[in-house]
């Protein structure tokens, strides 16, 4: 079912798990992501980013993302990640995307606020949600999501004292923060500022987003989610998994594209399932997106009690 970001992130924030965003620049990636979500009963955010549009134009990507989301039996958000221009964000909304990220993080603070606040009004008029970024998440070398290398990422960390002001003035539904994370594959182990995550989570009410998730350790993810992250962006891991699977399947020159497609879809599915289980979003599509174990047990007891009443009549 096609939903907006609030419908999956608010329950995630309340119940202390995270929902993954997985970019899908082609049909194989999208099929693997949806298959993983349905297999694990997990809500999911699926989409693309502006820097990925050369590999899958926005309008063409919308032709499969939105129908697949509507058909899925779990909650699916179709999200434009790192929209860098007003026109791209508006086009995504017109095409039916249910969420956009307007990334003005490299602008002056006042300009970031002004532009994102304007886009928030537009997105909400479509019934869609919006994500902003405060601080700036850079890019590792070779990142598919950009080319912004930073020698000292700490200079661009999110300032907790500005976070509340930013959220109140822009009316964003989720906030991407810079806490030592970066897009792409990490050459050296990143050092996340968990105390900063915790402080920001206590300061603002909207869900927090961790970009640059590929390459972090399982313990990094668990701690970040425990401290307040509700959405994690993943692309590199599933992108590489698909290529590895195709390479292994291509055993002779007699193999064609149709021989490789099933392997790519399955590899993306398996890698996405690993992340969903790690983020503890598995099973959260049932009993309404994001029901906690306590909620599930309570509902089960209530249903059992009603059934018992009926049988004893």
C-alpha atoms as a PDB file:
ATOM      1  CA  UNK A   1       0.000   0.000   0.000  1.00  0.00           C
ATOM      2  CA  UNK A   2       1.235   3.459  -0.871  1.00  0.00           C
ATOM      3  CA  UNK A   3       1.694   5.696   2.187  1.00  0.00           C
ATOM      4  CA  UNK A   4       3.622   8.804   3.183  1.00  0.00           C
ATOM      5  CA  UNK A   5       6.599   8.919   5.539  1.00  0.00           C
ATOM      6  CA  UNK A   6       4.649   9.867   8.670  1.00  0.00           C
ATOM      7  CA  UNK A   7       2.713   6.617   8.476  1.00  0.00           C
ATOM      8  CA  UNK A   8       5.864   4.540   8.883  1.00  0.00           C
ATOM      9  CA  UNK A   9       8.283   6.812  10.770  1.00  0.00           C
ATOM     10  CA  UNK A  10       6.069   7.996  13.604  1.00  0.00           C
ATOM     11  CA  UNK A  11       5.447   4.400  14.772  1.00  0.00           C
ATOM     12  CA  UNK A  12       9.172   3.697  14.316  1.00  0.00           C
ATOM     13  CA  UNK A  13      10.129   6.623  16.530  1.00  0.00           C
ATOM     14  CA  UNK A  14       7.567   5.649  19.160  1.00  0.00           C
ATOM     15  CA  UNK A  15       8.652   2.013  19.282  1.00  0.00           C
ATOM     16  CA  UNK A  16      12.407   2.467  18.829  1.00  0.00           C
ATOM     17  CA  UNK A  17      13.137   0.785  15.514  1.00  0.00           C
ATOM     18  CA  UNK A  18      14.089   2.199  12.120  1.00  0.00           C
ATOM     19  CA  UNK A  19      12.675   1.950   8.607  1.00  0.00           C
ATOM     20  CA  UNK A  20      15.083   1.666   5.702  1.00  0.00           C
ATOM     21  CA  UNK A  21      15.124   3.796   2.579  1.00  0.00           C
ATOM     22  CA  UNK A  22      16.446   1.754  -0.334  1.00  0.00           C
ATOM     23  CA  UNK A  23      17.060   3.483  -3.656  1.00  0.00           C
ATOM     24  CA  UNK A  24      15.725   1.683  -6.723  1.00  0.00           C
ATOM     25  CA  UNK A  25      17.055   3.092  -9.983  1.00  0.00           C
ATOM     26  CA  UNK A  26      15.799   0.118 -11.973  1.00  0.00           C
ATOM     27  CA  UNK A  27      13.134  -2.574 -11.866  1.00  0.00           C
ATOM     28  CA  UNK A  28      15.436  -5.283 -10.479  1.00  0.00           C
ATOM     29  CA  UNK A  29      16.274  -3.209  -7.411  1.00  0.00           C
ATOM     30  CA  UNK A  30      12.619  -2.322  -6.874  1.00  0.00           C
ATOM     31  CA  UNK A  31      11.506  -5.947  -7.177  1.00  0.00           C
ATOM     32  CA  UNK A  32      14.111  -7.086  -4.664  1.00  0.00           C
ATOM     33  CA  UNK A  33      13.190  -4.347  -2.179  1.00  0.00           C
ATOM     34  CA  UNK A  34       9.447  -5.054  -2.335  1.00  0.00           C
ATOM     35  CA  UNK A  35      10.036  -8.804  -2.093  1.00  0.00           C
ATOM     36  CA  UNK A  36      12.137  -8.270   1.025  1.00  0.00           C
ATOM     37  CA  UNK A  37       9.520  -6.025   2.633  1.00  0.00           C
ATOM     38  CA  UNK A  38       6.729  -8.509   1.993  1.00  0.00           C
ATOM     39  CA  UNK A  39       8.820 -11.485   3.138  1.00  0.00           C
ATOM     40  CA  UNK A  40       9.726  -9.797   6.431  1.00  0.00           C
ATOM     41  CA  UNK A  41       6.407  -7.974   6.876  1.00  0.00           C
ATOM     42  CA  UNK A  42       8.310  -4.719   7.069  1.00  0.00           C
ATOM     43  CA  UNK A  43       7.279  -1.192   6.142  1.00  0.00           C
ATOM     44  CA  UNK A  44       9.738   0.253   3.646  1.00  0.00           C
ATOM     45  CA  UNK A  45      10.741   3.495   1.967  1.00  0.00           C
ATOM     46  CA  UNK A  46      11.717   3.110  -1.682  1.00  0.00           C
ATOM     47  CA  UNK A  47      12.870   5.767  -4.081  1.00  0.00           C
ATOM     48  CA  UNK A  48      15.664   7.523  -5.879  1.00  0.00           C
ATOM     49  CA  UNK A  49      17.874  10.599  -5.486  1.00  0.00           C
ATOM     50  CA  UNK A  50      18.419  13.552  -7.789  1.00  0.00           C
ATOM     51  CA  UNK A  51      22.053  12.574  -8.439  1.00  0.00           C
ATOM     52  CA  UNK A  52      20.838   9.123  -9.530  1.00  0.00           C
ATOM     53  CA  UNK A  53      18.468  10.466 -12.187  1.00  0.00           C
ATOM     54  CA  UNK A  54      21.020  10.021 -15.021  1.00  0.00           C
ATOM     55  CA  UNK A  55      20.708   6.261 -14.363  1.00  0.00           C
ATOM     56  CA  UNK A  56      16.922   6.289 -14.094  1.00  0.00           C
ATOM     57  CA  UNK A  57      14.997   9.432 -15.102  1.00  0.00           C
ATOM     58  CA  UNK A  58      12.445  10.556 -12.514  1.00  0.00           C
ATOM     59  CA  UNK A  59       9.380  10.135 -14.694  1.00  0.00           C
ATOM     60  CA  UNK A  60      10.427   6.659 -15.874  1.00  0.00           C
ATOM     61  CA  UNK A  61      11.231   5.561 -12.323  1.00  0.00           C
ATOM     62  CA  UNK A  62       7.773   6.700 -11.228  1.00  0.00           C
ATOM     63  CA  UNK A  63       6.182   4.351 -13.776  1.00  0.00           C
ATOM     64  CA  UNK A  64       7.176   1.298 -11.722  1.00  0.00           C
ATOM     65  CA  UNK A  65       7.775   2.615  -8.184  1.00  0.00           C
ATOM     66  CA  UNK A  66       4.281   3.967  -7.582  1.00  0.00           C
ATOM     67  CA  UNK A  67       2.255   1.046  -9.028  1.00  0.00           C
ATOM     68  CA  UNK A  68       4.468  -1.447  -7.176  1.00  0.00           C
ATOM     69  CA  UNK A  69       3.977   0.454  -3.922  1.00  0.00           C
ATOM     70  CA  UNK A  70       0.187   0.483  -4.394  1.00  0.00           C
ATOM     71  CA  UNK A  71       0.135  -3.236  -5.108  1.00  0.00           C
ATOM     72  CA  UNK A  72       2.362  -4.249  -2.180  1.00  0.00           C
ATOM     73  CA  UNK A  73       0.718  -5.777   0.891  1.00  0.00           C
ATOM     74  CA  UNK A  74       2.953  -3.789   3.250  1.00  0.00           C
ATOM     75  CA  UNK A  75       3.268   0.006   3.720  1.00  0.00           C
ATOM     76  CA  UNK A  76       5.557   1.500   1.059  1.00  0.00           C
ATOM     77  CA  UNK A  77       6.666   5.142   0.863  1.00  0.00           C
ATOM     78  CA  UNK A  78       7.879   6.418  -2.523  1.00  0.00           C
ATOM     79  CA  UNK A  79      10.495   9.028  -1.685  1.00  0.00           C
ATOM     80  CA  UNK A  80      12.725  11.441  -3.585  1.00  0.00           C
ATOM     81  CA  UNK A  81      16.002  11.536  -1.691  1.00  0.00           C
ATOM     82  CA  UNK A  82      18.325  14.548  -1.812  1.00  0.00           C
ATOM     83  CA  UNK A  83      16.182  16.664  -4.076  1.00  0.00           C
ATOM     84  CA  UNK A  84      18.585  19.473  -4.914  1.00  0.00           C
ATOM     85  CA  UNK A  85      16.251  21.773  -6.789  1.00  0.00           C
ATOM     86  CA  UNK A  86      12.766  23.181  -6.349  1.00  0.00           C
ATOM     87  CA  UNK A  87      11.704  21.942  -9.782  1.00  0.00           C
ATOM     88  CA  UNK A  88      12.786  18.338  -9.171  1.00  0.00           C
ATOM     89  CA  UNK A  89      10.934  18.156  -5.857  1.00  0.00           C
ATOM     90  CA  UNK A  90       7.740  19.595  -7.342  1.00  0.00           C
ATOM     91  CA  UNK A  91       7.951  17.244 -10.319  1.00  0.00           C
ATOM     92  CA  UNK A  92       8.255  14.266  -7.979  1.00  0.00           C
ATOM     93  CA  UNK A  93       5.147  15.372  -6.109  1.00  0.00           C
ATOM     94  CA  UNK A  94       3.250  15.854  -9.365  1.00  0.00           C
ATOM     95  CA  UNK A  95       4.244  12.341 -10.449  1.00  0.00           C
ATOM     96  CA  UNK A  96       2.798  10.884  -7.254  1.00  0.00           C
ATOM     97  CA  UNK A  97       5.806  10.512  -4.937  1.00  0.00           C
ATOM     98  CA  UNK A  98       4.494  10.531  -1.368  1.00  0.00           C
ATOM     99  CA  UNK A  99       7.598  12.056   0.165  1.00  0.00           C
ATOM    100  CA  UNK A 100      10.482  14.329  -0.824  1.00  0.00           C
ATOM    101  CA  UNK A 101      13.733  15.431   0.728  1.00  0.00           C
ATOM    102  CA  UNK A 102      14.668  18.994  -0.174  1.00  0.00           C
ATOM    103  CA  UNK A 103      18.390  19.162   0.531  1.00  0.00           C
ATOM    104  CA  UNK A 104      19.447  22.762   1.054  1.00  0.00           C
ATOM    105  CA  UNK A 105      22.075  21.837   3.637  1.00  0.00           C
ATOM    106  CA  UNK A 106      24.916  23.605   1.834  1.00  0.00           C
ATOM    107  CA  UNK A 107      23.007  26.918   1.867  1.00  0.00           C
ATOM    108  CA  UNK A 108      23.228  29.458   4.671  1.00  0.00           C
ATOM    109  CA  UNK A 109      21.030  28.484   7.622  1.00  0.00           C
ATOM    110  CA  UNK A 110      18.456  31.205   6.936  1.00  0.00           C
ATOM    111  CA  UNK A 111      18.217  30.205   3.271  1.00  0.00           C
ATOM    112  CA  UNK A 112      17.925  26.516   4.158  1.00  0.00           C
ATOM    113  CA  UNK A 113      15.018  27.367   6.464  1.00  0.00           C
ATOM    114  CA  UNK A 114      13.265  29.582   3.919  1.00  0.00           C
ATOM    115  CA  UNK A 115      13.487  27.139   1.018  1.00  0.00           C
ATOM    116  CA  UNK A 116      12.554  24.036   2.991  1.00  0.00           C
ATOM    117  CA  UNK A 117       9.618  25.800   4.681  1.00  0.00           C
ATOM    118  CA  UNK A 118       8.273  26.771   1.262  1.00  0.00           C
ATOM    119  CA  UNK A 119       8.617  23.218  -0.034  1.00  0.00           C
ATOM    120  CA  UNK A 120       6.984  21.823   3.119  1.00  0.00           C
ATOM    121  CA  UNK A 121       3.818  23.805   2.348  1.00  0.00           C
ATOM    122  CA  UNK A 122       3.786  22.430  -1.190  1.00  0.00           C
ATOM    123  CA  UNK A 123       4.462  18.835  -0.152  1.00  0.00           C
ATOM    124  CA  UNK A 124       1.778  18.912   2.523  1.00  0.00           C
ATOM    125  CA  UNK A 125      -0.733  20.283   0.002  1.00  0.00           C
ATOM    126  CA  UNK A 126      -0.188  17.047  -1.954  1.00  0.00           C
ATOM    127  CA  UNK A 127      -0.656  14.943   1.182  1.00  0.00           C
ATOM    128  CA  UNK A 128       3.045  14.125   1.009  1.00  0.00           C
ATOM    129  CA  UNK A 129       5.760  14.415   3.632  1.00  0.00           C
ATOM    130  CA  UNK A 130       9.086  16.239   3.580  1.00  0.00           C
ATOM    131  CA  UNK A 131      12.559  15.622   4.971  1.00  0.00           C
ATOM    132  CA  UNK A 132      15.127  18.361   5.530  1.00  0.00           C
ATOM    133  CA  UNK A 133      18.807  18.275   6.391  1.00  0.00           C
ATOM    134  CA  UNK A 134      20.591  20.329   9.017  1.00  0.00           C
ATOM    135  CA  UNK A 135      24.367  20.174   9.060  1.00  0.00           C
ATOM    136  CA  UNK A 136      25.778  18.478   5.987  1.00  0.00           C
ATOM    137  CA  UNK A 137      26.342  14.809   5.185  1.00  0.00           C
ATOM    138  CA  UNK A 138      29.312  14.561   2.810  1.00  0.00           C
ATOM    139  CA  UNK A 139      30.334  11.883   0.348  1.00  0.00           C
ATOM    140  CA  UNK A 140      33.018   9.256   0.413  1.00  0.00           C
ATOM    141  CA  UNK A 141      35.132   8.941  -2.720  1.00  0.00           C
ATOM    142  CA  UNK A 142      33.208   7.216  -5.490  1.00  0.00           C
ATOM    143  CA  UNK A 143      29.837   7.754  -3.854  1.00  0.00           C
ATOM    144  CA  UNK A 144      26.962   7.380  -6.312  1.00  0.00           C
ATOM    145  CA  UNK A 145      25.102  10.086  -4.409  1.00  0.00           C
ATOM    146  CA  UNK A 146      27.512  12.950  -4.964  1.00  0.00           C
ATOM    147  CA  UNK A 147      31.095  14.180  -5.012  1.00  0.00           C
ATOM    148  CA  UNK A 148      31.335  16.410  -1.964  1.00  0.00           C
ATOM    149  CA  UNK A 149      34.490  15.281  -0.158  1.00  0.00           C
ATOM    150  CA  UNK A 150      35.162  16.722   3.281  1.00  0.00           C
ATOM    151  CA  UNK A 151      38.491  16.454   5.090  1.00  0.00           C
ATOM    152  CA  UNK A 152      36.904  17.209   8.465  1.00  0.00           C
ATOM    153  CA  UNK A 153      33.227  16.144   8.614  1.00  0.00           C
ATOM    154  CA  UNK A 154      32.933  17.375  12.213  1.00  0.00           C
ATOM    155  CA  UNK A 155      32.899  20.955  10.901  1.00  0.00           C
ATOM    156  CA  UNK A 156      29.523  20.176   9.335  1.00  0.00           C
ATOM    157  CA  UNK A 157      27.924  18.229  12.203  1.00  0.00           C
ATOM    158  CA  UNK A 158      24.341  19.108  13.068  1.00  0.00           C
ATOM    159  CA  UNK A 159      24.104  21.705  15.818  1.00  0.00           C
ATOM    160  CA  UNK A 160      21.566  20.447  18.400  1.00  0.00           C
ATOM    161  CA  UNK A 161      20.824  24.007  19.489  1.00  0.00           C
ATOM    162  CA  UNK A 162      19.579  24.845  15.968  1.00  0.00           C
ATOM    163  CA  UNK A 163      17.619  21.635  15.403  1.00  0.00           C
ATOM    164  CA  UNK A 164      14.509  22.695  17.330  1.00  0.00           C
ATOM    165  CA  UNK A 165      14.422  26.090  15.621  1.00  0.00           C
ATOM    166  CA  UNK A 166      14.852  24.489  12.194  1.00  0.00           C
ATOM    167  CA  UNK A 167      12.052  21.974  12.685  1.00  0.00           C
ATOM    168  CA  UNK A 168       9.638  24.564  14.066  1.00  0.00           C
ATOM    169  CA  UNK A 169      10.301  27.085  11.291  1.00  0.00           C
ATOM    170  CA  UNK A 170      10.268  24.614   8.378  1.00  0.00           C
ATOM    171  CA  UNK A 171       7.543  22.188   9.558  1.00  0.00           C
ATOM    172  CA  UNK A 172       9.515  19.211   8.214  1.00  0.00           C
ATOM    173  CA  UNK A 173       8.294  15.691   8.972  1.00  0.00           C
ATOM    174  CA  UNK A 174      11.796  14.195   9.371  1.00  0.00           C
ATOM    175  CA  UNK A 175      15.287  15.581   9.852  1.00  0.00           C
ATOM    176  CA  UNK A 176      18.507  14.214   8.355  1.00  0.00           C
ATOM    177  CA  UNK A 177      21.459  14.856  10.632  1.00  0.00           C
ATOM    178  CA  UNK A 178      25.238  14.831  10.183  1.00  0.00           C
ATOM    179  CA  UNK A 179      26.936  12.940  13.005  1.00  0.00           C
ATOM    180  CA  UNK A 180      30.024  11.395  11.388  1.00  0.00           C
ATOM    181  CA  UNK A 181      28.173   9.593   8.604  1.00  0.00           C
ATOM    182  CA  UNK A 182      28.816   9.944   4.853  1.00  0.00           C
ATOM    183  CA  UNK A 183      27.422   8.583   1.587  1.00  0.00           C
ATOM    184  CA  UNK A 184      29.074   5.686  -0.214  1.00  0.00           C
ATOM    185  CA  UNK A 185      31.530   3.026   0.924  1.00  0.00           C
ATOM    186  CA  UNK A 186      33.759   3.934   3.859  1.00  0.00           C
ATOM    187  CA  UNK A 187      37.526   3.486   3.416  1.00  0.00           C
ATOM    188  CA  UNK A 188      38.069   3.864   7.156  1.00  0.00           C
ATOM    189  CA  UNK A 189      35.614   2.960   9.924  1.00  0.00           C
ATOM    190  CA  UNK A 190      33.362   5.963  10.618  1.00  0.00           C
ATOM    191  CA  UNK A 191      33.019   7.291  14.141  1.00  0.00           C
ATOM    192  CA  UNK A 192      29.451   8.264  14.822  1.00  0.00           C
ATOM    193  CA  UNK A 193      28.706  10.855  17.482  1.00  0.00           C
ATOM    194  CA  UNK A 194      26.075   8.906  19.407  1.00  0.00           C
ATOM    195  CA  UNK A 195      25.767  11.531  22.122  1.00  0.00           C
ATOM    196  CA  UNK A 196      24.858  14.079  19.461  1.00  0.00           C
ATOM    197  CA  UNK A 197      22.152  11.770  18.102  1.00  0.00           C
ATOM    198  CA  UNK A 198      20.770  11.309  21.607  1.00  0.00           C
ATOM    199  CA  UNK A 199      20.793  15.032  22.317  1.00  0.00           C
ATOM    200  CA  UNK A 200      19.022  15.942  19.077  1.00  0.00           C
ATOM    201  CA  UNK A 201      16.424  13.193  19.572  1.00  0.00           C
ATOM    202  CA  UNK A 202      15.567  14.654  22.981  1.00  0.00           C
ATOM    203  CA  UNK A 203      15.389  18.170  21.536  1.00  0.00           C
ATOM    204  CA  UNK A 204      12.959  17.683  18.640  1.00  0.00           C
ATOM    205  CA  UNK A 205       9.792  15.667  18.079  1.00  0.00           C
ATOM    206  CA  UNK A 206      10.223  14.580  14.454  1.00  0.00           C
ATOM    207  CA  UNK A 207      11.992  11.348  13.441  1.00  0.00           C
ATOM    208  CA  UNK A 208      15.742  11.512  12.764  1.00  0.00           C
ATOM    209  CA  UNK A 209      17.376  10.191   9.598  1.00  0.00           C
ATOM    210  CA  UNK A 210      20.812   8.624   9.185  1.00  0.00           C
ATOM    211  CA  UNK A 211      22.263   8.966   5.692  1.00  0.00           C
ATOM    212  CA  UNK A 212      25.281   7.005   4.523  1.00  0.00           C
ATOM    213  CA  UNK A 213      24.211   3.757   6.197  1.00  0.00           C
ATOM    214  CA  UNK A 214      26.076   1.375   3.912  1.00  0.00           C
ATOM    215  CA  UNK A 215      29.357   0.324   5.523  1.00  0.00           C
ATOM    216  CA  UNK A 216      28.415   0.974   9.136  1.00  0.00           C
ATOM    217  CA  UNK A 217      28.732  -1.965  11.534  1.00  0.00           C
ATOM    218  CA  UNK A 218      25.711  -3.752  12.952  1.00  0.00           C
ATOM    219  CA  UNK A 219      26.586  -2.337  16.367  1.00  0.00           C
ATOM    220  CA  UNK A 220      26.678   1.184  14.885  1.00  0.00           C
ATOM    221  CA  UNK A 221      23.160   0.731  13.571  1.00  0.00           C
ATOM    222  CA  UNK A 222      21.813  -0.729  16.795  1.00  0.00           C
ATOM    223  CA  UNK A 223      23.282   2.058  18.892  1.00  0.00           C
ATOM    224  CA  UNK A 224      22.156   4.805  16.517  1.00  0.00           C
ATOM    225  CA  UNK A 225      18.596   3.447  16.490  1.00  0.00           C
ATOM    226  CA  UNK A 226      18.625   3.076  20.256  1.00  0.00           C
ATOM    227  CA  UNK A 227      19.729   6.711  20.563  1.00  0.00           C
ATOM    228  CA  UNK A 228      16.973   8.039  18.305  1.00  0.00           C
ATOM    229  CA  UNK A 229      17.432   7.261  14.580  1.00  0.00           C
ATOM    230  CA  UNK A 230      14.138   6.249  12.904  1.00  0.00           C
ATOM    231  CA  UNK A 231      15.131   6.112   9.224  1.00  0.00           C
ATOM    232  CA  UNK A 232      18.309   4.730   7.655  1.00  0.00           C
ATOM    233  CA  UNK A 233      19.293   5.271   4.021  1.00  0.00           C
ATOM    234  CA  UNK A 234      20.900   2.360   2.160  1.00  0.00           C
ATOM    235  CA  UNK A 235      22.066   2.144  -1.444  1.00  0.00           C
ATOM    236  CA  UNK A 236      25.685   1.030  -1.831  1.00  0.00           C
ATOM    237  CA  UNK A 237      25.144  -2.357  -0.163  1.00  0.00           C
ATOM    238  CA  UNK A 238      22.214  -3.407  -2.361  1.00  0.00           C
ATOM    239  CA  UNK A 239      23.805  -1.889  -5.472  1.00  0.00           C
ATOM    240  CA  UNK A 240      26.975  -3.955  -4.991  1.00  0.00           C
ATOM    241  CA  UNK A 241      25.028  -7.090  -4.028  1.00  0.00           C
ATOM    242  CA  UNK A 242      23.180  -6.983  -7.357  1.00  0.00           C
ATOM    243  CA  UNK A 243      26.387  -6.655  -9.384  1.00  0.00           C
ATOM    244  CA  UNK A 244      28.138  -9.455  -7.492  1.00  0.00           C
ATOM    245  CA  UNK A 245      25.215 -11.784  -8.099  1.00  0.00           C
ATOM    246  CA  UNK A 246      25.138 -11.002 -11.814  1.00  0.00           C
ATOM    247  CA  UNK A 247      28.892 -11.477 -12.095  1.00  0.00           C
ATOM    248  CA  UNK A 248      28.678 -14.890 -10.424  1.00  0.00           C
ATOM    249  CA  UNK A 249      25.787 -15.906 -12.673  1.00  0.00           C
ATOM    250  CA  UNK A 250      27.600 -14.842 -15.849  1.00  0.00           C
ATOM    251  CA  UNK A 251      29.568 -18.080 -16.322  1.00  0.00           C
ATOM    252  CA  UNK A 252      29.767 -18.022 -20.109  1.00  0.00           C
ATOM    253  CA  UNK A 253      29.180 -15.793 -23.122  1.00  0.00           C
ATOM    254  CA  UNK A 254      26.002 -17.762 -23.769  1.00  0.00           C
ATOM    255  CA  UNK A 255      24.353 -16.079 -20.795  1.00  0.00           C
ATOM    256  CA  UNK A 256      22.001 -13.222 -21.595  1.00  0.00           C
ATOM    257  CA  UNK A 257      20.404 -10.473 -19.559  1.00  0.00           C
ATOM    258  CA  UNK A 258      17.392 -12.623 -18.663  1.00  0.00           C
ATOM    259  CA  UNK A 259      19.782 -15.124 -17.079  1.00  0.00           C
ATOM    260  CA  UNK A 260      21.178 -12.416 -14.805  1.00  0.00           C
ATOM    261  CA  UNK A 261      17.998 -10.618 -13.734  1.00  0.00           C
ATOM    262  CA  UNK A 262      16.695 -13.282 -11.290  1.00  0.00           C
ATOM    263  CA  UNK A 263      20.075 -13.420  -9.549  1.00  0.00           C
ATOM    264  CA  UNK A 264      20.147  -9.639  -9.114  1.00  0.00           C
ATOM    265  CA  UNK A 265      16.596  -9.511  -7.734  1.00  0.00           C
ATOM    266  CA  UNK A 266      17.287 -12.292  -5.248  1.00  0.00           C
ATOM    267  CA  UNK A 267      20.559 -10.719  -4.089  1.00  0.00           C
ATOM    268  CA  UNK A 268      18.860  -7.372  -3.483  1.00  0.00           C
ATOM    269  CA  UNK A 269      16.057  -9.135  -1.626  1.00  0.00           C
ATOM    270  CA  UNK A 270      18.464 -10.976   0.666  1.00  0.00           C
ATOM    271  CA  UNK A 271      20.589  -7.908   1.420  1.00  0.00           C
ATOM    272  CA  UNK A 272      17.503  -5.781   2.065  1.00  0.00           C
ATOM    273  CA  UNK A 273      16.039  -8.417   4.386  1.00  0.00           C
ATOM    274  CA  UNK A 274      19.257  -8.388   6.423  1.00  0.00           C
ATOM    275  CA  UNK A 275      18.950  -4.652   6.907  1.00  0.00           C
ATOM    276  CA  UNK A 276      15.254  -4.805   7.802  1.00  0.00           C
ATOM    277  CA  UNK A 277      15.931  -7.392  10.483  1.00  0.00           C
ATOM    278  CA  UNK A 278      18.883  -5.391  11.766  1.00  0.00           C
ATOM    279  CA  UNK A 279      16.741  -2.248  11.977  1.00  0.00           C
ATOM    280  CA  UNK A 280      13.993  -4.297  13.734  1.00  0.00           C
ATOM    281  CA  UNK A 281      11.368  -3.159  11.229  1.00  0.00           C
ATOM    282  CA  UNK A 282      10.510  -6.782  10.385  1.00  0.00           C
ATOM    283  CA  UNK A 283       7.004  -7.693  11.488  1.00  0.00           C
ATOM    284  CA  UNK A 284       6.009  -4.062  11.944  1.00  0.00           C
ATOM    285  CA  UNK A 285       3.730  -4.003   8.893  1.00  0.00           C
ATOM    286  CA  UNK A 286       1.221  -6.186  10.752  1.00  0.00           C
ATOM    287  CA  UNK A 287      -1.414  -4.792  13.118  1.00  0.00           C
ATOM    288  CA  UNK A 288      -0.788  -1.379  11.554  1.00  0.00           C
ATOM    289  CA  UNK A 289       2.657  -0.124  10.614  1.00  0.00           C
ATOM    290  CA  UNK A 290       4.881   0.030  13.621  1.00  0.00           C
ATOM    291  CA  UNK A 291       2.923  -1.869  16.255  1.00  0.00           C
ATOM    292  CA  UNK A 292       5.163  -2.746  19.175  1.00  0.00           C
ATOM    293  CA  UNK A 293       5.364  -6.261  20.603  1.00  0.00           C
ATOM    294  CA  UNK A 294       3.358  -5.048  23.589  1.00  0.00           C
ATOM    295  CA  UNK A 295       0.693  -3.668  21.250  1.00  0.00           C
ATOM    296  CA  UNK A 296       0.554  -6.956  19.357  1.00  0.00           C
ATOM    297  CA  UNK A 297       0.206  -9.007  22.531  1.00  0.00           C
ATOM    298  CA  UNK A 298      -2.557  -6.722  23.808  1.00  0.00           C
ATOM    299  CA  UNK A 299      -4.487  -6.911  20.522  1.00  0.00           C
ATOM    300  CA  UNK A 300      -4.084 -10.696  20.440  1.00  0.00           C
ATOM    301  CA  UNK A 301      -5.492 -10.989  23.966  1.00  0.00           C
ATOM    302  CA  UNK A 302      -8.414  -8.719  23.144  1.00  0.00           C
ATOM    303  CA  UNK A 303      -9.264 -10.711  20.017  1.00  0.00           C
ATOM    304  CA  UNK A 304      -8.976 -13.999  21.939  1.00  0.00           C
ATOM    305  CA  UNK A 305     -11.274 -12.659  24.660  1.00  0.00           C
ATOM    306  CA  UNK A 306     -13.900 -11.579  22.116  1.00  0.00           C
ATOM    307  CA  UNK A 307     -13.719 -14.961  20.368  1.00  0.00           C
ATOM    308  CA  UNK A 308     -14.159 -16.716  23.726  1.00  0.00           C
ATOM    309  CA  UNK A 309     -17.224 -14.590  24.506  1.00  0.00           C
ATOM    310  CA  UNK A 310     -18.729 -15.489  21.140  1.00  0.00           C
ATOM    311  CA  UNK A 311     -18.093 -19.222  21.572  1.00  0.00           C
ATOM    312  CA  UNK A 312     -19.569 -19.226  25.076  1.00  0.00           C
ATOM    313  CA  UNK A 313     -22.838 -17.626  24.000  1.00  0.00           C
END
